[in-house]
């Protein structure tokens, strides 16, 4: 039996015995949601999920978050296409993906605390599987930048072992799959200008203002 068949079989067992006739037309919205929850619980119980995902509210709009057994692997801004993000993860990591908000609850809590100013560092584990070797060096250096502080692209490149690789460091920062949590917004151009940011310069500025690294502009 292949993985796809195993998942289907487990989900079928989870939906069995609920005293309902099959088919969405026979269920109310609440009943359908309850069945979906039981299906998810059974898949989790039988360890059939490699990637769990959920949508998390933020001041920037809904963020798509995905986690593996190792930790948070992806955080996508609202303008990114959710289906495309999930499809790329299925291709690169595993097709065994299921929406499971409970598994992302610790992240939701930490993000809420971060945005309301009561949290300065994240404690959730991270999965670096979507980041290449040089990107790992760059983003590891970036993750070490304290709350409220900034470094330049050149400084981050130096900490990654490539002092002349500021452009390559910028590319690695621009493809950061876990923004906010890995704080690539804390990297600026020499001279203090914002530089680039995959989430848009307005978001970068707002994050830096939240952390006190920039004076709010009104």
N, C-alpha and C. Protein backbone atom coordinates (compact mmCIF):
# COMPACT_ATOMS: atom_id res chain seq x y z
N UNK A 1 0.85 -1.19 0.00
CA UNK A 1 0.00 0.00 0.00
C UNK A 1 0.89 1.25 0.00
N UNK A 2 0.63 2.19 -0.92
CA UNK A 2 1.45 3.39 -0.94
C UNK A 2 0.95 4.42 0.07
N UNK A 3 1.69 5.53 0.23
CA UNK A 3 1.36 6.52 1.26
C UNK A 3 0.00 7.14 1.02
N UNK A 4 -0.31 7.42 -0.26
CA UNK A 4 -1.58 8.06 -0.58
C UNK A 4 -2.75 7.17 -0.17
N UNK A 5 -2.64 5.87 -0.46
CA UNK A 5 -3.70 4.93 -0.10
C UNK A 5 -3.84 4.81 1.40
N UNK A 6 -2.69 4.84 2.10
CA UNK A 6 -2.72 4.74 3.57
C UNK A 6 -3.44 5.93 4.19
N UNK A 7 -3.19 7.11 3.66
CA UNK A 7 -3.85 8.31 4.17
C UNK A 7 -5.35 8.25 3.91
N UNK A 8 -5.72 7.87 2.68
CA UNK A 8 -7.14 7.78 2.35
C UNK A 8 -7.85 6.78 3.25
N UNK A 9 -7.20 5.66 3.52
CA UNK A 9 -7.80 4.63 4.35
C UNK A 9 -7.99 5.13 5.78
N UNK A 10 -6.98 5.82 6.29
CA UNK A 10 -7.09 6.36 7.65
C UNK A 10 -8.19 7.41 7.73
N UNK A 11 -8.30 8.26 6.73
CA UNK A 11 -9.33 9.28 6.75
C UNK A 11 -10.72 8.66 6.64
N UNK A 12 -10.84 7.59 5.88
CA UNK A 12 -12.11 6.89 5.77
C UNK A 12 -12.52 6.29 7.11
N UNK A 13 -11.54 5.70 7.82
CA UNK A 13 -11.83 5.13 9.12
C UNK A 13 -12.26 6.22 10.10
N UNK A 14 -11.63 7.38 9.97
CA UNK A 14 -11.96 8.47 10.89
C UNK A 14 -13.39 8.94 10.68
N UNK A 15 -13.88 8.89 9.46
CA UNK A 15 -15.23 9.36 9.17
C UNK A 15 -16.28 8.30 9.39
N UNK A 16 -15.87 7.05 9.60
CA UNK A 16 -16.83 5.97 9.76
C UNK A 16 -17.46 6.00 11.14
N UNK A 17 -18.70 5.54 11.21
CA UNK A 17 -19.37 5.36 12.48
C UNK A 17 -19.87 6.64 13.11
N UNK A 18 -20.02 7.70 12.36
CA UNK A 18 -20.49 8.94 12.94
C UNK A 18 -22.00 9.07 12.82
N UNK A 19 -22.67 8.06 12.25
CA UNK A 19 -24.12 8.07 12.18
C UNK A 19 -24.67 9.00 11.13
N UNK A 20 -23.90 9.26 10.09
CA UNK A 20 -24.33 10.17 9.03
C UNK A 20 -24.21 9.47 7.69
N UNK A 21 -25.08 9.82 6.79
CA UNK A 21 -24.94 9.33 5.43
C UNK A 21 -23.84 10.13 4.74
N UNK A 22 -23.08 9.49 3.88
CA UNK A 22 -22.01 10.23 3.20
C UNK A 22 -22.56 11.31 2.29
N UNK A 23 -21.70 12.28 2.02
CA UNK A 23 -22.10 13.35 1.10
C UNK A 23 -22.33 14.64 1.85
N UNK A 24 -21.73 15.75 1.36
CA UNK A 24 -21.82 17.03 2.06
C UNK A 24 -23.24 17.56 2.17
N UNK A 25 -24.15 17.17 1.25
CA UNK A 25 -25.50 17.70 1.30
C UNK A 25 -26.25 17.21 2.52
N UNK A 26 -25.81 16.10 3.11
CA UNK A 26 -26.52 15.52 4.26
C UNK A 26 -26.04 16.10 5.58
N UNK A 27 -25.05 17.00 5.56
CA UNK A 27 -24.49 17.51 6.79
C UNK A 27 -24.69 19.01 6.91
N UNK A 28 -24.89 19.46 8.12
CA UNK A 28 -24.88 20.91 8.36
C UNK A 28 -23.44 21.38 8.37
N UNK A 29 -23.24 22.70 8.35
CA UNK A 29 -21.88 23.22 8.38
C UNK A 29 -21.14 22.77 9.62
N UNK A 30 -21.81 22.73 10.76
CA UNK A 30 -21.15 22.31 11.99
C UNK A 30 -20.77 20.84 11.94
N UNK A 31 -21.66 20.01 11.43
CA UNK A 31 -21.37 18.58 11.34
C UNK A 31 -20.21 18.31 10.40
N UNK A 32 -20.20 19.03 9.27
CA UNK A 32 -19.10 18.85 8.32
C UNK A 32 -17.77 19.26 8.94
N UNK A 33 -17.79 20.37 9.70
CA UNK A 33 -16.56 20.82 10.36
C UNK A 33 -16.10 19.80 11.40
N UNK A 34 -17.07 19.20 12.10
CA UNK A 34 -16.72 18.20 13.12
C UNK A 34 -16.10 16.97 12.48
N UNK A 35 -16.65 16.54 11.35
CA UNK A 35 -16.08 15.40 10.64
C UNK A 35 -14.67 15.72 10.16
N UNK A 36 -14.49 16.93 9.60
CA UNK A 36 -13.16 17.33 9.13
C UNK A 36 -12.15 17.33 10.28
N UNK A 37 -12.59 17.79 11.46
CA UNK A 37 -11.70 17.79 12.61
C UNK A 37 -11.32 16.37 12.99
N UNK A 38 -12.30 15.44 12.95
CA UNK A 38 -11.99 14.06 13.30
C UNK A 38 -11.03 13.44 12.28
N UNK A 39 -11.21 13.80 11.02
CA UNK A 39 -10.30 13.29 9.99
C UNK A 39 -8.88 13.76 10.25
N UNK A 40 -8.76 15.04 10.58
CA UNK A 40 -7.43 15.58 10.88
C UNK A 40 -6.83 14.93 12.11
N UNK A 41 -7.65 14.77 13.16
CA UNK A 41 -7.16 14.15 14.39
C UNK A 41 -6.67 12.73 14.12
N UNK A 42 -7.41 11.99 13.29
CA UNK A 42 -7.00 10.61 13.01
C UNK A 42 -5.69 10.59 12.21
N UNK A 43 -5.56 11.49 11.25
CA UNK A 43 -4.32 11.54 10.47
C UNK A 43 -3.14 11.88 11.36
N UNK A 44 -3.36 12.80 12.32
CA UNK A 44 -2.29 13.15 13.26
C UNK A 44 -1.97 11.97 14.16
N UNK A 45 -3.02 11.31 14.65
CA UNK A 45 -2.84 10.17 15.55
C UNK A 45 -2.04 9.06 14.89
N UNK A 46 -2.28 8.83 13.61
CA UNK A 46 -1.59 7.75 12.90
C UNK A 46 -0.30 8.24 12.24
N UNK A 47 0.08 9.49 12.59
CA UNK A 47 1.36 10.06 12.13
C UNK A 47 1.48 10.04 10.61
N UNK A 48 0.41 10.49 9.95
CA UNK A 48 0.39 10.48 8.49
C UNK A 48 0.67 11.86 7.90
N UNK A 49 0.94 12.84 8.75
CA UNK A 49 1.18 14.20 8.26
C UNK A 49 2.66 14.54 8.38
N UNK A 50 3.26 14.94 7.28
CA UNK A 50 4.65 15.42 7.32
C UNK A 50 4.69 16.94 7.46
N UNK A 51 3.69 17.63 6.87
CA UNK A 51 3.64 19.09 6.93
C UNK A 51 2.24 19.52 7.36
N UNK A 52 2.16 20.26 8.45
CA UNK A 52 0.90 20.84 8.91
C UNK A 52 0.89 22.31 8.54
N UNK A 53 -0.27 22.82 8.15
CA UNK A 53 -0.33 24.25 7.83
C UNK A 53 -1.59 24.88 8.41
N UNK A 54 -1.55 26.20 8.51
CA UNK A 54 -2.69 26.96 9.02
C UNK A 54 -2.53 28.41 8.57
N UNK A 55 -3.62 29.13 8.60
CA UNK A 55 -3.61 30.57 8.33
C UNK A 55 -3.66 31.30 9.65
N UNK A 56 -2.75 32.24 9.83
CA UNK A 56 -2.63 32.98 11.09
C UNK A 56 -2.85 34.47 10.84
N UNK A 57 -3.74 35.08 11.58
CA UNK A 57 -4.00 36.51 11.42
C UNK A 57 -2.81 37.33 11.91
N UNK A 58 -2.58 38.45 11.25
CA UNK A 58 -1.50 39.36 11.64
C UNK A 58 -1.88 40.77 11.21
N UNK A 59 -1.16 41.79 11.68
CA UNK A 59 -1.41 43.15 11.22
C UNK A 59 -1.18 43.31 9.72
N UNK A 60 -0.47 42.38 9.10
CA UNK A 60 -0.21 42.44 7.67
C UNK A 60 -1.23 41.66 6.86
N UNK A 61 -2.21 41.06 7.52
CA UNK A 61 -3.15 40.19 6.85
C UNK A 61 -2.86 38.74 7.20
N UNK A 62 -3.60 37.80 6.60
CA UNK A 62 -3.41 36.38 6.93
C UNK A 62 -2.08 35.84 6.42
N UNK A 63 -1.33 35.21 7.32
CA UNK A 63 -0.06 34.59 6.97
C UNK A 63 -0.25 33.08 6.88
N UNK A 64 0.25 32.47 5.82
CA UNK A 64 0.21 31.02 5.72
C UNK A 64 1.45 30.46 6.42
N UNK A 65 1.24 29.64 7.43
CA UNK A 65 2.34 29.04 8.18
C UNK A 65 2.32 27.54 7.99
N UNK A 66 3.51 26.95 7.86
CA UNK A 66 3.63 25.50 7.69
C UNK A 66 4.75 24.98 8.58
N UNK A 67 4.51 23.82 9.16
CA UNK A 67 5.47 23.24 10.09
C UNK A 67 5.66 21.75 9.80
N UNK A 68 6.87 21.27 9.99
CA UNK A 68 7.18 19.85 9.90
C UNK A 68 7.42 19.33 11.32
N UNK A 69 7.83 18.08 11.43
CA UNK A 69 8.16 17.54 12.75
C UNK A 69 9.34 18.28 13.37
N UNK A 70 10.20 18.84 12.52
CA UNK A 70 11.37 19.56 13.03
C UNK A 70 11.01 20.95 13.54
N UNK A 71 10.06 21.61 12.89
CA UNK A 71 9.70 22.95 13.30
C UNK A 71 9.11 23.75 12.15
N UNK A 72 8.98 25.05 12.37
CA UNK A 72 8.42 25.95 11.36
C UNK A 72 9.29 25.95 10.12
N UNK A 73 8.69 25.68 8.97
CA UNK A 73 9.46 25.59 7.73
C UNK A 73 9.10 26.69 6.74
N UNK A 74 7.92 27.31 6.92
CA UNK A 74 7.49 28.32 5.94
C UNK A 74 6.53 29.29 6.59
N UNK A 75 6.69 30.57 6.27
CA UNK A 75 5.75 31.62 6.66
C UNK A 75 5.60 32.54 5.46
N UNK A 76 4.39 32.60 4.92
CA UNK A 76 4.16 33.31 3.65
C UNK A 76 3.27 34.52 3.86
N UNK A 77 3.65 35.64 3.25
CA UNK A 77 2.85 36.86 3.31
C UNK A 77 1.58 36.71 2.48
N UNK A 78 0.57 37.56 2.72
CA UNK A 78 -0.74 37.39 2.08
C UNK A 78 -0.73 37.40 0.55
N UNK A 79 0.18 38.15 -0.06
CA UNK A 79 0.16 38.23 -1.52
C UNK A 79 0.72 36.97 -2.20
N UNK A 80 1.36 36.11 -1.43
CA UNK A 80 1.82 34.85 -2.00
C UNK A 80 0.62 33.91 -2.16
N UNK A 81 0.60 33.17 -3.25
CA UNK A 81 -0.51 32.26 -3.52
C UNK A 81 -0.38 31.02 -2.64
N UNK A 82 -1.38 30.79 -1.78
CA UNK A 82 -1.31 29.67 -0.84
C UNK A 82 -1.13 28.34 -1.54
N UNK A 83 -1.90 28.13 -2.61
CA UNK A 83 -1.82 26.85 -3.32
C UNK A 83 -0.43 26.64 -3.90
N UNK A 84 0.15 27.70 -4.44
CA UNK A 84 1.50 27.60 -5.02
C UNK A 84 2.53 27.30 -3.94
N UNK A 85 2.38 27.95 -2.77
CA UNK A 85 3.31 27.71 -1.66
C UNK A 85 3.23 26.25 -1.22
N UNK A 86 2.02 25.74 -1.06
CA UNK A 86 1.83 24.36 -0.62
C UNK A 86 2.34 23.38 -1.67
N UNK A 87 2.10 23.70 -2.94
CA UNK A 87 2.56 22.82 -4.01
C UNK A 87 4.09 22.73 -4.03
N UNK A 88 4.77 23.86 -3.84
CA UNK A 88 6.23 23.83 -3.83
C UNK A 88 6.76 23.01 -2.66
N UNK A 89 6.09 23.12 -1.51
CA UNK A 89 6.52 22.31 -0.37
C UNK A 89 6.27 20.82 -0.63
N UNK A 90 5.17 20.52 -1.29
CA UNK A 90 4.89 19.12 -1.62
C UNK A 90 5.96 18.55 -2.54
N UNK A 91 6.44 19.37 -3.47
CA UNK A 91 7.47 18.92 -4.40
C UNK A 91 8.83 18.79 -3.73
N UNK A 92 9.17 19.73 -2.85
CA UNK A 92 10.51 19.76 -2.27
C UNK A 92 10.63 18.95 -0.99
N UNK A 93 9.54 18.83 -0.23
CA UNK A 93 9.62 18.18 1.08
C UNK A 93 8.80 16.90 1.15
N UNK A 94 7.49 17.02 1.00
CA UNK A 94 6.62 15.85 1.10
C UNK A 94 5.21 16.23 0.65
N UNK A 95 4.50 15.31 -0.03
CA UNK A 95 3.11 15.59 -0.42
C UNK A 95 2.12 15.35 0.72
N UNK A 96 2.61 14.85 1.85
CA UNK A 96 1.70 14.54 2.96
C UNK A 96 1.48 15.82 3.78
N UNK A 97 0.60 16.68 3.25
CA UNK A 97 0.32 18.00 3.82
C UNK A 97 -1.14 18.05 4.23
N UNK A 98 -1.42 18.58 5.41
CA UNK A 98 -2.79 18.69 5.87
C UNK A 98 -2.95 19.94 6.73
N UNK A 99 -4.08 20.61 6.58
CA UNK A 99 -4.37 21.76 7.42
C UNK A 99 -4.62 21.28 8.85
N UNK A 100 -3.83 21.78 9.78
CA UNK A 100 -3.91 21.35 11.17
C UNK A 100 -3.57 22.53 12.08
N UNK A 101 -4.52 23.46 12.28
CA UNK A 101 -4.24 24.68 13.05
C UNK A 101 -3.69 24.43 14.45
N UNK A 102 -4.11 23.35 15.10
CA UNK A 102 -3.65 23.10 16.46
C UNK A 102 -2.14 22.96 16.54
N UNK A 103 -1.54 22.40 15.49
CA UNK A 103 -0.09 22.23 15.48
C UNK A 103 0.65 23.56 15.32
N UNK A 104 -0.04 24.57 14.79
CA UNK A 104 0.58 25.89 14.61
C UNK A 104 0.19 26.87 15.71
N UNK A 105 -0.54 26.39 16.72
CA UNK A 105 -1.00 27.28 17.79
C UNK A 105 0.15 27.94 18.53
N UNK A 106 1.25 27.24 18.86
CA UNK A 106 2.35 27.94 19.53
C UNK A 106 2.89 29.11 18.72
N UNK A 107 2.97 28.95 17.40
CA UNK A 107 3.42 30.05 16.56
C UNK A 107 2.42 31.19 16.60
N UNK A 108 1.13 30.87 16.52
CA UNK A 108 0.11 31.92 16.54
C UNK A 108 0.25 32.76 17.81
N UNK A 109 0.45 32.09 18.94
CA UNK A 109 0.58 32.80 20.21
C UNK A 109 1.84 33.69 20.21
N UNK A 110 2.95 33.15 19.75
CA UNK A 110 4.20 33.93 19.75
C UNK A 110 4.12 35.12 18.80
N UNK A 111 3.50 34.94 17.64
CA UNK A 111 3.35 36.06 16.71
C UNK A 111 2.44 37.13 17.31
N UNK A 112 1.38 36.72 17.95
CA UNK A 112 0.48 37.69 18.59
C UNK A 112 1.23 38.50 19.64
N UNK A 113 2.04 37.81 20.43
CA UNK A 113 2.82 38.50 21.46
C UNK A 113 3.86 39.43 20.82
N UNK A 114 4.47 38.99 19.74
CA UNK A 114 5.47 39.82 19.06
C UNK A 114 4.82 41.10 18.53
N UNK A 115 3.68 40.96 17.88
CA UNK A 115 3.06 42.13 17.28
C UNK A 115 2.46 43.08 18.31
N UNK A 116 2.12 42.57 19.51
CA UNK A 116 1.61 43.50 20.52
C UNK A 116 2.74 44.07 21.39
N UNK A 117 4.00 43.71 21.06
CA UNK A 117 5.15 44.29 21.73
C UNK A 117 5.60 43.60 22.99
N UNK A 118 4.98 42.46 23.33
CA UNK A 118 5.33 41.79 24.58
C UNK A 118 6.35 40.67 24.39
N UNK A 119 6.76 40.39 23.17
CA UNK A 119 7.75 39.35 22.90
C UNK A 119 8.86 39.91 22.01
N UNK A 120 10.11 39.65 22.38
CA UNK A 120 11.24 40.15 21.60
C UNK A 120 12.01 39.05 20.89
N UNK A 121 11.74 37.80 21.19
CA UNK A 121 12.40 36.70 20.50
C UNK A 121 11.45 35.52 20.39
N UNK A 122 11.65 34.72 19.36
CA UNK A 122 10.80 33.56 19.13
C UNK A 122 11.48 32.31 19.68
N UNK A 123 10.68 31.42 20.24
CA UNK A 123 11.20 30.22 20.86
C UNK A 123 10.84 28.94 20.09
N UNK A 124 9.95 29.05 19.12
CA UNK A 124 9.53 27.87 18.38
C UNK A 124 10.71 27.30 17.58
N UNK A 125 10.80 25.97 17.46
CA UNK A 125 11.86 25.38 16.65
C UNK A 125 11.66 25.66 15.17
N UNK A 126 12.76 25.67 14.42
CA UNK A 126 12.71 25.96 12.99
C UNK A 126 13.22 24.75 12.20
N UNK A 127 12.68 24.59 11.01
CA UNK A 127 13.14 23.59 10.06
C UNK A 127 13.78 24.35 8.90
N UNK A 128 15.09 24.14 8.68
CA UNK A 128 15.85 24.89 7.68
C UNK A 128 15.91 24.15 6.34
N UNK A 129 15.01 23.19 6.12
CA UNK A 129 15.09 22.33 4.93
C UNK A 129 14.96 23.07 3.61
N UNK A 130 14.29 24.21 3.60
CA UNK A 130 14.09 24.96 2.36
C UNK A 130 15.20 25.98 2.10
N UNK A 131 16.24 25.96 2.93
CA UNK A 131 17.32 26.94 2.83
C UNK A 131 18.62 26.24 2.47
N UNK A 132 19.32 26.76 1.47
CA UNK A 132 20.56 26.16 1.01
C UNK A 132 21.71 26.41 1.97
N UNK A 133 22.89 25.84 1.68
CA UNK A 133 24.04 25.95 2.60
C UNK A 133 24.47 27.39 2.88
N UNK A 134 24.67 28.20 1.82
CA UNK A 134 25.08 29.58 2.06
C UNK A 134 23.96 30.37 2.70
N UNK A 135 22.72 30.12 2.26
CA UNK A 135 21.57 30.79 2.86
C UNK A 135 21.45 30.49 4.34
N UNK A 136 21.78 29.26 4.72
CA UNK A 136 21.74 28.89 6.14
C UNK A 136 22.74 29.71 6.95
N UNK A 137 23.94 29.91 6.37
CA UNK A 137 24.94 30.74 7.06
C UNK A 137 24.45 32.18 7.21
N UNK A 138 23.90 32.72 6.12
CA UNK A 138 23.43 34.10 6.14
C UNK A 138 22.27 34.26 7.12
N UNK A 139 21.30 33.36 7.05
CA UNK A 139 20.12 33.50 7.89
C UNK A 139 20.40 33.14 9.34
N UNK A 140 21.39 32.29 9.58
CA UNK A 140 21.80 32.02 10.97
C UNK A 140 22.39 33.28 11.58
N UNK A 141 23.22 34.00 10.79
CA UNK A 141 23.77 35.27 11.27
C UNK A 141 22.66 36.29 11.49
N UNK A 142 21.69 36.27 10.61
CA UNK A 142 20.56 37.20 10.72
C UNK A 142 19.72 36.89 11.95
N UNK A 143 19.51 35.61 12.21
CA UNK A 143 18.70 35.20 13.37
C UNK A 143 19.34 35.64 14.69
N UNK A 144 20.65 35.88 14.67
CA UNK A 144 21.37 36.28 15.88
C UNK A 144 21.34 37.79 16.12
N UNK A 145 20.79 38.57 15.18
CA UNK A 145 20.71 40.03 15.37
C UNK A 145 19.68 40.31 16.47
N UNK A 146 20.07 40.99 17.53
CA UNK A 146 19.13 41.23 18.63
C UNK A 146 17.94 42.11 18.23
N UNK A 147 16.86 41.94 18.91
CA UNK A 147 15.66 42.78 18.77
C UNK A 147 16.06 44.24 18.96
N UNK A 148 15.63 45.09 18.04
CA UNK A 148 15.93 46.51 18.15
C UNK A 148 17.25 46.91 17.55
N UNK A 149 18.00 45.94 17.01
CA UNK A 149 19.30 46.22 16.40
C UNK A 149 19.25 45.92 14.91
N UNK A 150 20.23 46.42 14.18
CA UNK A 150 20.33 46.15 12.75
C UNK A 150 21.78 45.90 12.37
N UNK A 151 21.98 45.21 11.24
CA UNK A 151 23.28 45.06 10.62
C UNK A 151 23.16 45.44 9.15
N UNK A 152 24.30 45.66 8.51
CA UNK A 152 24.28 45.90 7.08
C UNK A 152 24.45 44.58 6.33
N UNK A 153 24.15 44.61 5.03
CA UNK A 153 24.33 43.43 4.19
C UNK A 153 25.79 42.97 4.23
N UNK A 154 26.70 43.93 4.21
CA UNK A 154 28.12 43.60 4.25
C UNK A 154 28.50 42.91 5.56
N UNK A 155 27.97 43.41 6.66
CA UNK A 155 28.26 42.81 7.97
C UNK A 155 27.71 41.39 8.05
N UNK A 156 26.52 41.18 7.54
CA UNK A 156 25.93 39.84 7.58
C UNK A 156 26.73 38.89 6.68
N UNK A 157 27.15 39.39 5.51
CA UNK A 157 27.96 38.56 4.62
C UNK A 157 29.26 38.15 5.32
N UNK A 158 29.87 39.09 6.04
CA UNK A 158 31.10 38.78 6.77
C UNK A 158 30.87 37.72 7.83
N UNK A 159 29.78 37.82 8.56
CA UNK A 159 29.47 36.82 9.58
C UNK A 159 29.16 35.46 8.97
N UNK A 160 28.74 35.47 7.69
CA UNK A 160 28.46 34.21 6.99
C UNK A 160 29.72 33.64 6.33
N UNK A 161 30.86 34.34 6.52
CA UNK A 161 32.12 33.85 6.00
C UNK A 161 32.45 34.32 4.61
N UNK A 162 31.72 35.32 4.11
CA UNK A 162 31.96 35.83 2.76
C UNK A 162 31.91 37.36 2.77
N UNK A 163 32.97 38.03 3.27
CA UNK A 163 32.95 39.48 3.45
C UNK A 163 32.64 40.27 2.18
N UNK A 164 32.98 39.72 1.03
CA UNK A 164 32.71 40.42 -0.23
C UNK A 164 31.41 39.95 -0.88
N UNK A 165 30.66 39.15 -0.18
CA UNK A 165 29.46 38.56 -0.77
C UNK A 165 28.17 39.25 -0.36
N UNK A 166 28.18 40.57 -0.27
CA UNK A 166 26.97 41.27 0.18
C UNK A 166 25.80 41.07 -0.77
N UNK A 167 26.09 41.00 -2.08
CA UNK A 167 24.99 40.79 -3.03
C UNK A 167 24.41 39.40 -2.88
N UNK A 168 25.26 38.39 -2.72
CA UNK A 168 24.78 37.02 -2.51
C UNK A 168 24.02 36.93 -1.19
N UNK A 169 24.49 37.65 -0.18
CA UNK A 169 23.78 37.67 1.10
C UNK A 169 22.40 38.30 0.93
N UNK A 170 22.35 39.36 0.13
CA UNK A 170 21.06 40.00 -0.14
C UNK A 170 20.09 39.05 -0.82
N UNK A 171 20.61 38.25 -1.76
CA UNK A 171 19.76 37.27 -2.44
C UNK A 171 19.23 36.23 -1.46
N UNK A 172 20.10 35.78 -0.55
CA UNK A 172 19.69 34.79 0.45
C UNK A 172 18.63 35.37 1.38
N UNK A 173 18.81 36.62 1.75
CA UNK A 173 17.83 37.28 2.61
C UNK A 173 16.50 37.46 1.88
N UNK A 174 16.59 37.77 0.59
CA UNK A 174 15.37 37.97 -0.19
C UNK A 174 14.56 36.71 -0.39
N UNK A 175 15.21 35.55 -0.27
CA UNK A 175 14.49 34.29 -0.44
C UNK A 175 14.24 33.58 0.89
N UNK A 176 14.37 34.31 1.99
CA UNK A 176 14.10 33.77 3.32
C UNK A 176 12.68 33.18 3.38
N UNK A 177 12.54 31.87 3.63
CA UNK A 177 11.20 31.28 3.65
C UNK A 177 10.46 31.47 4.98
N UNK A 178 11.17 32.02 5.99
CA UNK A 178 10.53 32.20 7.29
C UNK A 178 10.73 33.64 7.76
N UNK A 179 10.17 34.62 7.03
CA UNK A 179 10.35 36.02 7.43
C UNK A 179 9.72 36.28 8.80
N UNK A 180 10.08 37.41 9.36
CA UNK A 180 9.65 37.85 10.69
C UNK A 180 10.32 37.01 11.77
N UNK A 181 10.13 35.69 11.74
CA UNK A 181 10.73 34.82 12.75
C UNK A 181 12.25 34.78 12.56
N UNK A 182 12.71 34.58 11.32
CA UNK A 182 14.11 34.82 10.98
C UNK A 182 14.15 36.26 10.48
N UNK A 183 14.64 37.21 11.27
CA UNK A 183 14.38 38.64 11.06
C UNK A 183 15.24 39.31 9.99
N UNK A 184 15.01 38.94 8.73
CA UNK A 184 15.77 39.56 7.65
C UNK A 184 15.44 41.05 7.51
N UNK A 185 14.36 41.51 8.16
CA UNK A 185 14.05 42.94 8.13
C UNK A 185 15.08 43.76 8.91
N UNK A 186 15.93 43.09 9.69
CA UNK A 186 16.93 43.81 10.49
C UNK A 186 18.23 44.05 9.74
N UNK A 187 18.23 43.79 8.44
CA UNK A 187 19.44 43.99 7.63
C UNK A 187 19.20 45.17 6.70
N UNK A 188 20.09 46.17 6.77
CA UNK A 188 19.95 47.40 5.99
C UNK A 188 21.16 47.60 5.09
N UNK A 189 21.03 48.52 4.17
CA UNK A 189 22.17 48.91 3.35
C UNK A 189 23.15 49.73 4.17
N UNK A 190 24.40 49.71 3.75
CA UNK A 190 25.40 50.59 4.36
C UNK A 190 24.93 52.04 4.18
N UNK A 191 24.91 52.79 5.24
CA UNK A 191 24.39 54.15 5.17
C UNK A 191 23.03 54.28 5.81
N UNK A 192 22.37 53.13 6.03
CA UNK A 192 21.12 53.16 6.78
C UNK A 192 19.84 53.08 5.99
N UNK A 193 19.91 53.11 4.64
CA UNK A 193 18.67 52.97 3.87
C UNK A 193 18.15 51.54 3.99
N UNK A 194 16.86 51.37 3.75
CA UNK A 194 16.21 50.09 4.03
C UNK A 194 16.71 48.95 3.16
N UNK A 195 17.09 49.23 1.94
CA UNK A 195 17.46 48.14 1.03
C UNK A 195 16.22 47.47 0.49
N UNK A 196 16.23 46.15 0.39
CA UNK A 196 15.08 45.44 -0.13
C UNK A 196 14.40 44.61 0.94
N UNK A 197 13.24 44.07 0.59
CA UNK A 197 12.51 43.17 1.49
C UNK A 197 11.43 42.48 0.68
N UNK A 198 11.42 41.15 0.75
CA UNK A 198 10.46 40.39 -0.05
C UNK A 198 9.02 40.71 0.34
N UNK A 199 8.81 41.11 1.58
CA UNK A 199 7.47 41.45 2.03
C UNK A 199 7.08 42.89 1.75
N UNK A 200 7.97 43.65 1.10
CA UNK A 200 7.69 45.05 0.81
C UNK A 200 8.31 45.98 1.83
N UNK A 201 8.79 47.13 1.36
CA UNK A 201 9.51 48.05 2.25
C UNK A 201 8.62 48.64 3.33
N UNK A 202 7.32 48.78 3.06
CA UNK A 202 6.43 49.30 4.09
C UNK A 202 6.38 48.35 5.28
N UNK A 203 6.33 47.05 5.00
CA UNK A 203 6.32 46.07 6.10
C UNK A 203 7.67 46.08 6.83
N UNK A 204 8.74 46.18 6.08
CA UNK A 204 10.07 46.22 6.71
C UNK A 204 10.16 47.41 7.65
N UNK A 205 9.70 48.56 7.19
CA UNK A 205 9.74 49.76 8.02
C UNK A 205 8.89 49.58 9.27
N UNK A 206 7.69 49.01 9.11
CA UNK A 206 6.78 48.83 10.25
C UNK A 206 7.38 47.86 11.28
N UNK A 207 8.05 46.81 10.82
CA UNK A 207 8.67 45.87 11.75
C UNK A 207 9.81 46.54 12.52
N UNK A 208 10.61 47.32 11.83
CA UNK A 208 11.71 48.02 12.49
C UNK A 208 11.20 49.07 13.46
N UNK A 209 10.10 49.74 13.11
CA UNK A 209 9.50 50.70 14.03
C UNK A 209 8.92 50.01 15.25
N UNK A 210 8.30 48.85 15.05
CA UNK A 210 7.77 48.07 16.17
C UNK A 210 8.88 47.72 17.15
N UNK A 211 10.06 47.38 16.62
CA UNK A 211 11.18 46.95 17.46
C UNK A 211 12.00 48.13 18.00
N UNK A 212 11.65 49.34 17.57
CA UNK A 212 12.39 50.50 18.06
C UNK A 212 13.70 50.76 17.34
N UNK A 213 13.92 50.09 16.21
CA UNK A 213 15.14 50.31 15.44
C UNK A 213 15.01 51.50 14.50
N UNK A 214 13.78 51.94 14.24
CA UNK A 214 13.52 53.12 13.45
C UNK A 214 12.51 53.98 14.19
N UNK A 215 12.62 55.28 14.03
CA UNK A 215 11.63 56.19 14.59
C UNK A 215 10.39 56.18 13.71
N UNK A 216 9.22 55.97 14.27
CA UNK A 216 7.99 55.96 13.44
C UNK A 216 7.84 57.24 12.65
N UNK A 217 7.42 57.10 11.40
CA UNK A 217 7.17 58.27 10.55
C UNK A 217 5.68 58.45 10.39
N UNK A 218 5.20 59.64 10.62
CA UNK A 218 3.76 59.90 10.55
C UNK A 218 3.45 60.85 9.41
